[in-house]
Amino acid sequence: MMNQLLKFGKISLRPLEPGDIELLYDWENKMEIWEVSNTKTPYSKHILAQYLVESAKDIYSTKQLRLIIENEEQEAVGAVDLFNFEPYHLRAGVGILVHNPKNRKHGYAADAIEALSRYSLEVLGIKQLYANIAADNEESIRLFGKMGFIQSGVKKQWLKTLHGWKDELFFQKMLC
């Protein structure tokens, strides 16, 4: 049953493995996605190795969970995160990355969000998920809207970028 909760459509979600260090090193150090992930400095393999060790801990202690998105060929195409997990308030933030543009527009991100939503409700008992999305990130706005997230707020001039300030949109999805 648990395995089925981590699968939907064309994808399956799996925990991080020690062998993922090269993948994470590549993904986390791509400066073109730093703006989306609020990253400002590169990650060393040493830091990522420590992160992999921490990722094996329970979500109730770390307040976060990262899962690798695999396609039908069991190739890693991205990652989906739960972050700022609040067990008392039964909510968590969601972040997603489909790294290679050639793997986008295949439904992997939508399937991953659906699988993560089901797992969040049925295993973790989460009532709601939320996403923070830059106002100019049209692909993510469409994706989360398609997946039942509703925009419930705007944080004005919330994100400082190299080119000025951006608004950030707040989206929520009630799971039950």
N, C-alpha and C. Protein backbone atom coordinates (compact mmCIF):
# COMPACT_ATOMS: atom_id res chain seq x y z
N MET A 1 0.83 -1.20 0.00
CA MET A 1 0.00 0.00 0.00
C MET A 1 0.87 1.27 0.00
N MET A 2 1.90 1.29 0.88
CA MET A 2 2.75 2.47 0.98
C MET A 2 3.41 2.78 -0.36
N ASN A 3 3.91 1.73 -1.03
CA ASN A 3 4.55 1.94 -2.32
C ASN A 3 3.60 2.60 -3.31
N GLN A 4 2.34 2.22 -3.27
CA GLN A 4 1.36 2.78 -4.19
C GLN A 4 1.13 4.27 -3.92
N LEU A 5 1.27 4.70 -2.68
CA LEU A 5 1.10 6.11 -2.36
C LEU A 5 2.23 6.96 -2.93
N LEU A 6 3.34 6.35 -3.21
CA LEU A 6 4.49 7.09 -3.73
C LEU A 6 4.59 6.98 -5.25
N LYS A 7 3.51 6.50 -5.87
CA LYS A 7 3.46 6.39 -7.33
C LYS A 7 2.18 7.05 -7.83
N PHE A 8 2.30 7.69 -8.97
CA PHE A 8 1.11 8.23 -9.62
C PHE A 8 1.46 8.48 -11.08
N GLY A 9 0.57 8.07 -11.96
CA GLY A 9 0.78 8.31 -13.38
C GLY A 9 2.10 7.75 -13.86
N LYS A 10 2.94 8.64 -14.37
CA LYS A 10 4.22 8.25 -14.99
C LYS A 10 5.41 8.28 -14.03
N ILE A 11 5.18 8.54 -12.75
CA ILE A 11 6.32 8.72 -11.85
C ILE A 11 6.21 7.86 -10.60
N SER A 12 7.34 7.72 -9.95
CA SER A 12 7.37 7.21 -8.58
C SER A 12 8.30 8.13 -7.79
N LEU A 13 8.03 8.21 -6.51
CA LEU A 13 8.85 9.02 -5.61
C LEU A 13 9.65 8.07 -4.73
N ARG A 14 10.91 8.40 -4.52
CA ARG A 14 11.74 7.58 -3.65
C ARG A 14 12.60 8.47 -2.77
N PRO A 15 13.04 7.93 -1.64
CA PRO A 15 13.91 8.72 -0.76
C PRO A 15 15.29 8.94 -1.40
N LEU A 16 16.00 9.89 -0.86
CA LEU A 16 17.38 10.14 -1.29
C LEU A 16 18.26 8.96 -0.93
N GLU A 17 19.22 8.67 -1.79
CA GLU A 17 20.18 7.60 -1.58
C GLU A 17 21.58 8.21 -1.62
N PRO A 18 22.57 7.55 -0.99
CA PRO A 18 23.94 8.07 -1.04
C PRO A 18 24.44 8.29 -2.47
N GLY A 19 23.99 7.47 -3.40
CA GLY A 19 24.40 7.61 -4.79
C GLY A 19 23.86 8.85 -5.48
N ASP A 20 22.96 9.57 -4.83
CA ASP A 20 22.37 10.78 -5.41
C ASP A 20 23.26 12.01 -5.25
N ILE A 21 24.41 11.87 -4.60
CA ILE A 21 25.23 13.05 -4.31
C ILE A 21 25.64 13.79 -5.58
N GLU A 22 26.00 13.08 -6.64
CA GLU A 22 26.40 13.75 -7.89
C GLU A 22 25.21 14.49 -8.50
N LEU A 23 24.06 13.88 -8.44
CA LEU A 23 22.84 14.49 -8.95
C LEU A 23 22.53 15.77 -8.19
N LEU A 24 22.54 15.69 -6.87
CA LEU A 24 22.28 16.88 -6.04
C LEU A 24 23.33 17.95 -6.27
N TYR A 25 24.58 17.54 -6.39
CA TYR A 25 25.66 18.50 -6.63
C TYR A 25 25.40 19.27 -7.92
N ASP A 26 24.99 18.57 -8.95
CA ASP A 26 24.68 19.20 -10.24
C ASP A 26 23.46 20.13 -10.10
N TRP A 27 22.39 19.63 -9.52
CA TRP A 27 21.15 20.41 -9.41
C TRP A 27 21.32 21.63 -8.52
N GLU A 28 21.88 21.45 -7.35
CA GLU A 28 21.96 22.53 -6.37
C GLU A 28 22.94 23.63 -6.77
N ASN A 29 23.86 23.32 -7.67
CA ASN A 29 24.86 24.30 -8.06
C ASN A 29 24.60 24.95 -9.42
N LYS A 30 23.41 24.80 -9.96
CA LYS A 30 23.03 25.47 -11.19
C LYS A 30 22.52 26.87 -10.82
N MET A 31 23.32 27.87 -11.14
CA MET A 31 22.97 29.24 -10.73
C MET A 31 21.65 29.71 -11.33
N GLU A 32 21.26 29.19 -12.49
CA GLU A 32 20.02 29.64 -13.12
C GLU A 32 18.77 29.26 -12.32
N ILE A 33 18.87 28.31 -11.39
CA ILE A 33 17.70 27.99 -10.57
C ILE A 33 17.81 28.54 -9.15
N TRP A 34 18.90 29.20 -8.84
CA TRP A 34 19.08 29.73 -7.49
C TRP A 34 17.99 30.72 -7.10
N GLU A 35 17.53 31.51 -8.04
CA GLU A 35 16.50 32.49 -7.71
C GLU A 35 15.23 31.81 -7.23
N VAL A 36 14.88 30.69 -7.84
CA VAL A 36 13.67 29.96 -7.47
C VAL A 36 13.84 29.27 -6.11
N SER A 37 15.04 28.79 -5.85
CA SER A 37 15.27 28.05 -4.61
C SER A 37 15.81 28.91 -3.46
N ASN A 38 15.94 30.20 -3.70
CA ASN A 38 16.48 31.12 -2.70
C ASN A 38 17.89 30.72 -2.25
N THR A 39 18.67 30.21 -3.17
CA THR A 39 20.05 29.83 -2.89
C THR A 39 20.96 31.00 -3.27
N LYS A 40 21.99 31.21 -2.49
CA LYS A 40 22.92 32.30 -2.77
C LYS A 40 24.36 31.84 -2.92
N THR A 41 24.66 30.63 -2.45
CA THR A 41 26.03 30.13 -2.52
C THR A 41 26.03 28.68 -3.00
N PRO A 42 27.12 28.25 -3.62
CA PRO A 42 27.19 26.85 -4.07
C PRO A 42 27.32 25.90 -2.88
N TYR A 43 26.97 24.65 -3.13
CA TYR A 43 27.07 23.60 -2.12
C TYR A 43 28.26 22.71 -2.43
N SER A 44 29.01 22.35 -1.41
CA SER A 44 30.10 21.40 -1.57
C SER A 44 29.55 19.98 -1.48
N LYS A 45 30.31 19.03 -1.98
CA LYS A 45 29.91 17.63 -1.85
C LYS A 45 29.89 17.22 -0.38
N HIS A 46 30.78 17.79 0.41
CA HIS A 46 30.80 17.50 1.85
C HIS A 46 29.48 17.92 2.51
N ILE A 47 29.02 19.12 2.22
CA ILE A 47 27.76 19.60 2.79
C ILE A 47 26.59 18.74 2.30
N LEU A 48 26.60 18.38 1.02
CA LEU A 48 25.54 17.55 0.47
C LEU A 48 25.56 16.15 1.08
N ALA A 49 26.75 15.62 1.36
CA ALA A 49 26.84 14.31 2.02
C ALA A 49 26.23 14.38 3.42
N GLN A 50 26.48 15.47 4.13
CA GLN A 50 25.85 15.65 5.45
C GLN A 50 24.34 15.75 5.32
N TYR A 51 23.88 16.47 4.29
CA TYR A 51 22.44 16.59 4.05
C TYR A 51 21.81 15.22 3.79
N LEU A 52 22.51 14.38 3.02
CA LEU A 52 21.99 13.04 2.74
C LEU A 52 21.84 12.23 4.03
N VAL A 53 22.79 12.36 4.94
CA VAL A 53 22.69 11.67 6.23
C VAL A 53 21.47 12.20 7.00
N GLU A 54 21.31 13.52 7.05
CA GLU A 54 20.19 14.13 7.76
C GLU A 54 18.85 13.75 7.13
N SER A 55 18.83 13.57 5.81
CA SER A 55 17.57 13.29 5.12
C SER A 55 16.98 11.95 5.51
N ALA A 56 17.79 11.07 6.08
CA ALA A 56 17.29 9.76 6.52
C ALA A 56 16.50 9.87 7.82
N LYS A 57 16.62 11.01 8.49
CA LYS A 57 15.89 11.20 9.74
C LYS A 57 14.41 11.44 9.47
N ASP A 58 13.62 11.26 10.48
CA ASP A 58 12.18 11.39 10.41
C ASP A 58 11.74 12.82 10.13
N ILE A 59 10.70 12.99 9.34
CA ILE A 59 10.17 14.32 9.02
C ILE A 59 9.75 15.08 10.27
N TYR A 60 9.36 14.36 11.32
CA TYR A 60 8.94 15.03 12.55
C TYR A 60 10.11 15.68 13.27
N SER A 61 11.33 15.21 13.04
CA SER A 61 12.48 15.86 13.66
C SER A 61 13.13 16.90 12.74
N THR A 62 13.16 16.64 11.43
CA THR A 62 13.82 17.57 10.51
C THR A 62 12.87 18.63 9.96
N LYS A 63 11.57 18.36 10.00
CA LYS A 63 10.52 19.26 9.47
C LYS A 63 10.59 19.40 7.96
N GLN A 64 11.29 18.47 7.30
CA GLN A 64 11.37 18.50 5.85
C GLN A 64 11.53 17.09 5.29
N LEU A 65 11.20 16.95 4.02
CA LEU A 65 11.33 15.68 3.33
C LEU A 65 11.58 15.96 1.86
N ARG A 66 12.64 15.39 1.33
CA ARG A 66 12.91 15.50 -0.11
C ARG A 66 12.81 14.11 -0.71
N LEU A 67 12.08 14.02 -1.81
CA LEU A 67 11.94 12.76 -2.54
C LEU A 67 12.38 12.98 -3.98
N ILE A 68 13.03 11.99 -4.53
CA ILE A 68 13.46 12.02 -5.93
C ILE A 68 12.30 11.56 -6.80
N ILE A 69 12.07 12.27 -7.89
CA ILE A 69 11.05 11.91 -8.87
C ILE A 69 11.72 11.05 -9.93
N GLU A 70 11.22 9.84 -10.10
CA GLU A 70 11.73 8.96 -11.16
C GLU A 70 10.65 8.74 -12.20
N ASN A 71 11.06 8.71 -13.47
CA ASN A 71 10.12 8.42 -14.55
C ASN A 71 9.93 6.90 -14.68
N GLU A 72 9.20 6.49 -15.70
CA GLU A 72 8.90 5.07 -15.88
C GLU A 72 10.15 4.23 -16.13
N GLU A 73 11.21 4.85 -16.62
CA GLU A 73 12.49 4.15 -16.85
C GLU A 73 13.38 4.18 -15.61
N GLN A 74 12.84 4.65 -14.50
CA GLN A 74 13.54 4.78 -13.22
C GLN A 74 14.74 5.73 -13.31
N GLU A 75 14.62 6.75 -14.18
CA GLU A 75 15.61 7.81 -14.26
C GLU A 75 15.17 8.96 -13.36
N ALA A 76 16.10 9.52 -12.61
CA ALA A 76 15.78 10.67 -11.77
C ALA A 76 15.58 11.89 -12.66
N VAL A 77 14.38 12.46 -12.61
CA VAL A 77 14.09 13.63 -13.44
C VAL A 77 13.92 14.89 -12.59
N GLY A 78 13.85 14.73 -11.27
CA GLY A 78 13.68 15.90 -10.42
C GLY A 78 13.51 15.51 -8.97
N ALA A 79 13.05 16.48 -8.20
CA ALA A 79 12.83 16.28 -6.77
C ALA A 79 11.62 17.08 -6.33
N VAL A 80 10.97 16.58 -5.30
CA VAL A 80 9.85 17.29 -4.70
C VAL A 80 10.11 17.33 -3.20
N ASP A 81 9.82 18.48 -2.60
CA ASP A 81 10.12 18.69 -1.19
C ASP A 81 8.87 19.05 -0.40
N LEU A 82 8.82 18.56 0.82
CA LEU A 82 7.96 19.13 1.85
C LEU A 82 8.92 19.89 2.77
N PHE A 83 8.55 21.11 3.12
CA PHE A 83 9.40 21.90 4.01
C PHE A 83 8.53 22.65 5.00
N ASN A 84 9.14 23.13 6.06
CA ASN A 84 8.42 23.83 7.13
C ASN A 84 7.21 23.02 7.59
N PHE A 85 7.40 21.71 7.73
CA PHE A 85 6.34 20.82 8.20
C PHE A 85 5.92 21.24 9.60
N GLU A 86 4.64 21.48 9.77
CA GLU A 86 4.07 21.90 11.06
C GLU A 86 3.09 20.83 11.52
N PRO A 87 3.54 19.85 12.33
CA PRO A 87 2.64 18.77 12.73
C PRO A 87 1.44 19.24 13.56
N TYR A 88 1.60 20.29 14.33
CA TYR A 88 0.46 20.80 15.11
C TYR A 88 -0.59 21.42 14.20
N HIS A 89 -0.15 22.23 13.24
CA HIS A 89 -1.07 22.91 12.34
C HIS A 89 -1.42 22.07 11.11
N LEU A 90 -0.77 20.92 10.98
CA LEU A 90 -1.05 19.98 9.89
C LEU A 90 -0.87 20.61 8.51
N ARG A 91 0.29 21.26 8.31
CA ARG A 91 0.57 21.88 7.02
C ARG A 91 2.06 21.78 6.70
N ALA A 92 2.35 21.95 5.41
CA ALA A 92 3.74 21.96 4.96
C ALA A 92 3.81 22.69 3.63
N GLY A 93 4.99 23.26 3.36
CA GLY A 93 5.25 23.87 2.07
C GLY A 93 5.69 22.81 1.07
N VAL A 94 5.49 23.12 -0.20
CA VAL A 94 5.88 22.22 -1.29
C VAL A 94 6.81 22.96 -2.23
N GLY A 95 7.88 22.29 -2.63
CA GLY A 95 8.77 22.78 -3.66
C GLY A 95 9.00 21.66 -4.65
N ILE A 96 9.20 22.01 -5.90
CA ILE A 96 9.40 20.99 -6.92
C ILE A 96 10.42 21.46 -7.95
N LEU A 97 11.17 20.51 -8.48
CA LEU A 97 12.14 20.79 -9.53
C LEU A 97 12.13 19.63 -10.52
N VAL A 98 11.88 19.93 -11.76
CA VAL A 98 12.19 19.01 -12.86
C VAL A 98 13.35 19.68 -13.56
N HIS A 99 14.53 19.13 -13.35
CA HIS A 99 15.76 19.84 -13.65
C HIS A 99 16.00 20.08 -15.15
N ASN A 100 16.02 19.04 -15.92
CA ASN A 100 16.36 19.16 -17.34
C ASN A 100 15.15 19.61 -18.15
N PRO A 101 15.26 20.70 -18.90
CA PRO A 101 14.11 21.16 -19.70
C PRO A 101 13.53 20.09 -20.62
N LYS A 102 14.32 19.13 -21.05
CA LYS A 102 13.79 18.07 -21.93
C LYS A 102 12.81 17.16 -21.18
N ASN A 103 12.86 17.15 -19.86
CA ASN A 103 11.94 16.34 -19.06
C ASN A 103 10.70 17.11 -18.62
N ARG A 104 10.61 18.37 -18.98
CA ARG A 104 9.45 19.17 -18.62
C ARG A 104 8.34 18.97 -19.64
N LYS A 105 7.14 19.29 -19.25
CA LYS A 105 5.95 19.19 -20.11
C LYS A 105 5.63 17.73 -20.47
N HIS A 106 6.01 16.80 -19.58
CA HIS A 106 5.65 15.39 -19.73
C HIS A 106 4.68 14.96 -18.63
N GLY A 107 4.29 15.89 -17.77
CA GLY A 107 3.38 15.58 -16.68
C GLY A 107 4.05 15.06 -15.42
N TYR A 108 5.40 15.03 -15.40
CA TYR A 108 6.10 14.51 -14.22
C TYR A 108 5.82 15.36 -12.97
N ALA A 109 5.86 16.67 -13.12
CA ALA A 109 5.66 17.54 -11.96
C ALA A 109 4.24 17.40 -11.42
N ALA A 110 3.24 17.37 -12.29
CA ALA A 110 1.85 17.20 -11.84
C ALA A 110 1.67 15.86 -11.16
N ASP A 111 2.22 14.80 -11.74
CA ASP A 111 2.10 13.48 -11.12
C ASP A 111 2.80 13.45 -9.76
N ALA A 112 3.96 14.10 -9.66
CA ALA A 112 4.69 14.13 -8.39
C ALA A 112 3.91 14.88 -7.32
N ILE A 113 3.30 16.00 -7.69
CA ILE A 113 2.51 16.76 -6.71
C ILE A 113 1.30 15.94 -6.26
N GLU A 114 0.69 15.23 -7.18
CA GLU A 114 -0.46 14.38 -6.81
C GLU A 114 -0.02 13.27 -5.86
N ALA A 115 1.07 12.59 -6.18
CA ALA A 115 1.57 11.52 -5.30
C ALA A 115 1.94 12.09 -3.93
N LEU A 116 2.61 13.24 -3.92
CA LEU A 116 3.01 13.86 -2.65
C LEU A 116 1.78 14.29 -1.84
N SER A 117 0.77 14.80 -2.52
CA SER A 117 -0.46 15.21 -1.83
C SER A 117 -1.14 14.01 -1.17
N ARG A 118 -1.23 12.91 -1.88
CA ARG A 118 -1.85 11.69 -1.32
C ARG A 118 -1.05 11.17 -0.13
N TYR A 119 0.25 11.12 -0.27
CA TYR A 119 1.12 10.68 0.83
C TYR A 119 0.96 11.62 2.04
N SER A 120 0.95 12.91 1.77
CA SER A 120 0.84 13.91 2.84
C SER A 120 -0.45 13.72 3.63
N LEU A 121 -1.55 13.48 2.94
CA LEU A 121 -2.84 13.29 3.60
C LEU A 121 -2.92 11.94 4.30
N GLU A 122 -2.64 10.88 3.56
CA GLU A 122 -2.91 9.54 4.07
C GLU A 122 -1.87 9.02 5.06
N VAL A 123 -0.63 9.46 4.95
CA VAL A 123 0.41 8.97 5.86
C VAL A 123 0.73 10.00 6.94
N LEU A 124 0.92 11.25 6.56
CA LEU A 124 1.31 12.28 7.52
C LEU A 124 0.13 12.99 8.17
N GLY A 125 -1.06 12.82 7.59
CA GLY A 125 -2.24 13.47 8.15
C GLY A 125 -2.27 14.97 7.94
N ILE A 126 -1.56 15.44 6.93
CA ILE A 126 -1.50 16.88 6.65
C ILE A 126 -2.84 17.34 6.09
N LYS A 127 -3.30 18.49 6.57
CA LYS A 127 -4.56 19.07 6.12
C LYS A 127 -4.38 19.97 4.90
N GLN A 128 -3.26 20.70 4.86
CA GLN A 128 -3.05 21.62 3.74
C GLN A 128 -1.59 21.72 3.35
N LEU A 129 -1.40 21.94 2.06
CA LEU A 129 -0.09 22.21 1.49
C LEU A 129 -0.09 23.62 0.96
N TYR A 130 1.09 24.23 0.91
CA TYR A 130 1.18 25.58 0.34
C TYR A 130 2.43 25.70 -0.51
N ALA A 131 2.41 26.67 -1.39
CA ALA A 131 3.56 26.95 -2.26
C ALA A 131 3.75 28.45 -2.36
N ASN A 132 5.01 28.86 -2.35
CA ASN A 132 5.39 30.26 -2.55
C ASN A 132 5.98 30.34 -3.96
N ILE A 133 5.39 31.17 -4.81
CA ILE A 133 5.81 31.21 -6.21
C ILE A 133 6.04 32.65 -6.64
N ALA A 134 7.18 32.91 -7.26
CA ALA A 134 7.45 34.26 -7.79
C ALA A 134 6.36 34.61 -8.79
N ALA A 135 5.92 35.85 -8.76
CA ALA A 135 4.80 36.29 -9.60
C ALA A 135 5.06 36.14 -11.09
N ASP A 136 6.33 36.07 -11.49
CA ASP A 136 6.64 35.94 -12.92
C ASP A 136 6.92 34.48 -13.33
N ASN A 137 6.75 33.53 -12.41
CA ASN A 137 6.99 32.12 -12.71
C ASN A 137 5.69 31.49 -13.22
N GLU A 138 5.39 31.79 -14.48
CA GLU A 138 4.11 31.40 -15.07
C GLU A 138 3.93 29.89 -15.12
N GLU A 139 4.99 29.14 -15.39
CA GLU A 139 4.88 27.68 -15.45
C GLU A 139 4.45 27.11 -14.11
N SER A 140 5.08 27.57 -13.03
CA SER A 140 4.72 27.06 -11.70
C SER A 140 3.32 27.50 -11.30
N ILE A 141 2.94 28.72 -11.63
CA ILE A 141 1.59 29.20 -11.33
C ILE A 141 0.56 28.31 -12.02
N ARG A 142 0.80 28.00 -13.30
CA ARG A 142 -0.12 27.11 -14.03
C ARG A 142 -0.15 25.71 -13.41
N LEU A 143 1.03 25.18 -13.10
CA LEU A 143 1.12 23.84 -12.53
C LEU A 143 0.35 23.74 -11.22
N PHE A 144 0.63 24.63 -10.29
CA PHE A 144 -0.02 24.54 -8.99
C PHE A 144 -1.52 24.83 -9.09
N GLY A 145 -1.90 25.74 -9.98
CA GLY A 145 -3.32 25.98 -10.21
C GLY A 145 -4.01 24.73 -10.74
N LYS A 146 -3.39 24.08 -11.69
CA LYS A 146 -3.93 22.84 -12.27
C LYS A 146 -4.07 21.76 -11.20
N MET A 147 -3.20 21.77 -10.20
CA MET A 147 -3.20 20.75 -9.15
C MET A 147 -4.10 21.12 -7.97
N GLY A 148 -4.92 22.15 -8.13
CA GLY A 148 -5.91 22.49 -7.11
C GLY A 148 -5.44 23.48 -6.06
N PHE A 149 -4.27 24.06 -6.23
CA PHE A 149 -3.81 25.09 -5.31
C PHE A 149 -4.47 26.41 -5.71
N ILE A 150 -4.89 27.16 -4.73
CA ILE A 150 -5.59 28.42 -4.97
C ILE A 150 -4.73 29.56 -4.42
N GLN A 151 -4.56 30.60 -5.23
CA GLN A 151 -3.80 31.76 -4.76
C GLN A 151 -4.61 32.45 -3.67
N SER A 152 -3.97 32.62 -2.51
CA SER A 152 -4.66 33.25 -1.39
C SER A 152 -3.95 34.50 -0.89
N GLY A 153 -2.85 34.86 -1.52
CA GLY A 153 -2.17 36.07 -1.08
C GLY A 153 -1.05 36.48 -2.00
N VAL A 154 -0.62 37.74 -1.79
CA VAL A 154 0.51 38.30 -2.52
C VAL A 154 1.43 38.96 -1.51
N LYS A 155 2.68 38.60 -1.56
CA LYS A 155 3.69 39.26 -0.73
C LYS A 155 4.39 40.26 -1.65
N LYS A 156 4.14 41.52 -1.45
CA LYS A 156 4.66 42.59 -2.30
C LYS A 156 6.16 42.77 -2.13
N GLN A 157 6.85 42.89 -3.27
CA GLN A 157 8.30 43.11 -3.30
C GLN A 157 9.02 42.21 -2.29
N TRP A 158 8.67 40.94 -2.29
CA TRP A 158 9.14 39.98 -1.31
C TRP A 158 10.50 39.38 -1.66
N LEU A 159 10.76 39.25 -2.97
CA LEU A 159 11.97 38.58 -3.42
C LEU A 159 12.95 39.56 -4.05
N LYS A 160 14.12 39.66 -3.46
CA LYS A 160 15.17 40.50 -4.03
C LYS A 160 15.93 39.67 -5.05
N THR A 161 16.07 40.21 -6.26
CA THR A 161 16.80 39.52 -7.32
C THR A 161 17.92 40.42 -7.80
N LEU A 162 18.71 39.90 -8.70
CA LEU A 162 19.78 40.71 -9.29
C LEU A 162 19.22 41.86 -10.12
N HIS A 163 17.95 41.75 -10.52
CA HIS A 163 17.33 42.75 -11.39
C HIS A 163 16.26 43.58 -10.68
N GLY A 164 16.19 43.49 -9.37
CA GLY A 164 15.19 44.26 -8.63
C GLY A 164 14.33 43.36 -7.77
N TRP A 165 13.18 43.89 -7.39
CA TRP A 165 12.28 43.19 -6.48
C TRP A 165 11.12 42.55 -7.24
N LYS A 166 10.66 41.41 -6.71
CA LYS A 166 9.52 40.68 -7.28
C LYS A 166 8.50 40.39 -6.20
N ASP A 167 7.26 40.35 -6.62
CA ASP A 167 6.20 39.88 -5.73
C ASP A 167 6.27 38.36 -5.65
N GLU A 168 5.82 37.82 -4.54
CA GLU A 168 5.69 36.37 -4.38
C GLU A 168 4.24 36.05 -4.10
N LEU A 169 3.72 35.05 -4.80
CA LEU A 169 2.33 34.63 -4.63
C LEU A 169 2.28 33.46 -3.67
N PHE A 170 1.24 33.44 -2.87
CA PHE A 170 1.04 32.37 -1.89
C PHE A 170 -0.14 31.52 -2.34
N PHE A 171 0.09 30.23 -2.52
CA PHE A 171 -0.95 29.29 -2.97
C PHE A 171 -1.17 28.24 -1.88
N GLN A 172 -2.44 27.83 -1.70
CA GLN A 172 -2.78 26.81 -0.72
C GLN A 172 -3.68 25.75 -1.36
N LYS A 173 -3.55 24.54 -0.84
CA LYS A 173 -4.44 23.45 -1.25
C LYS A 173 -4.89 22.72 0.00
N MET A 174 -6.19 22.64 0.21
CA MET A 174 -6.75 21.87 1.31
C MET A 174 -6.85 20.43 0.86
N LEU A 175 -6.26 19.53 1.64
CA LEU A 175 -6.27 18.12 1.28
C LEU A 175 -7.50 17.39 1.83
N CYS A 176 -8.09 17.96 2.87
CA CYS A 176 -9.30 17.33 3.43
C CYS A 176 -10.25 18.41 3.91
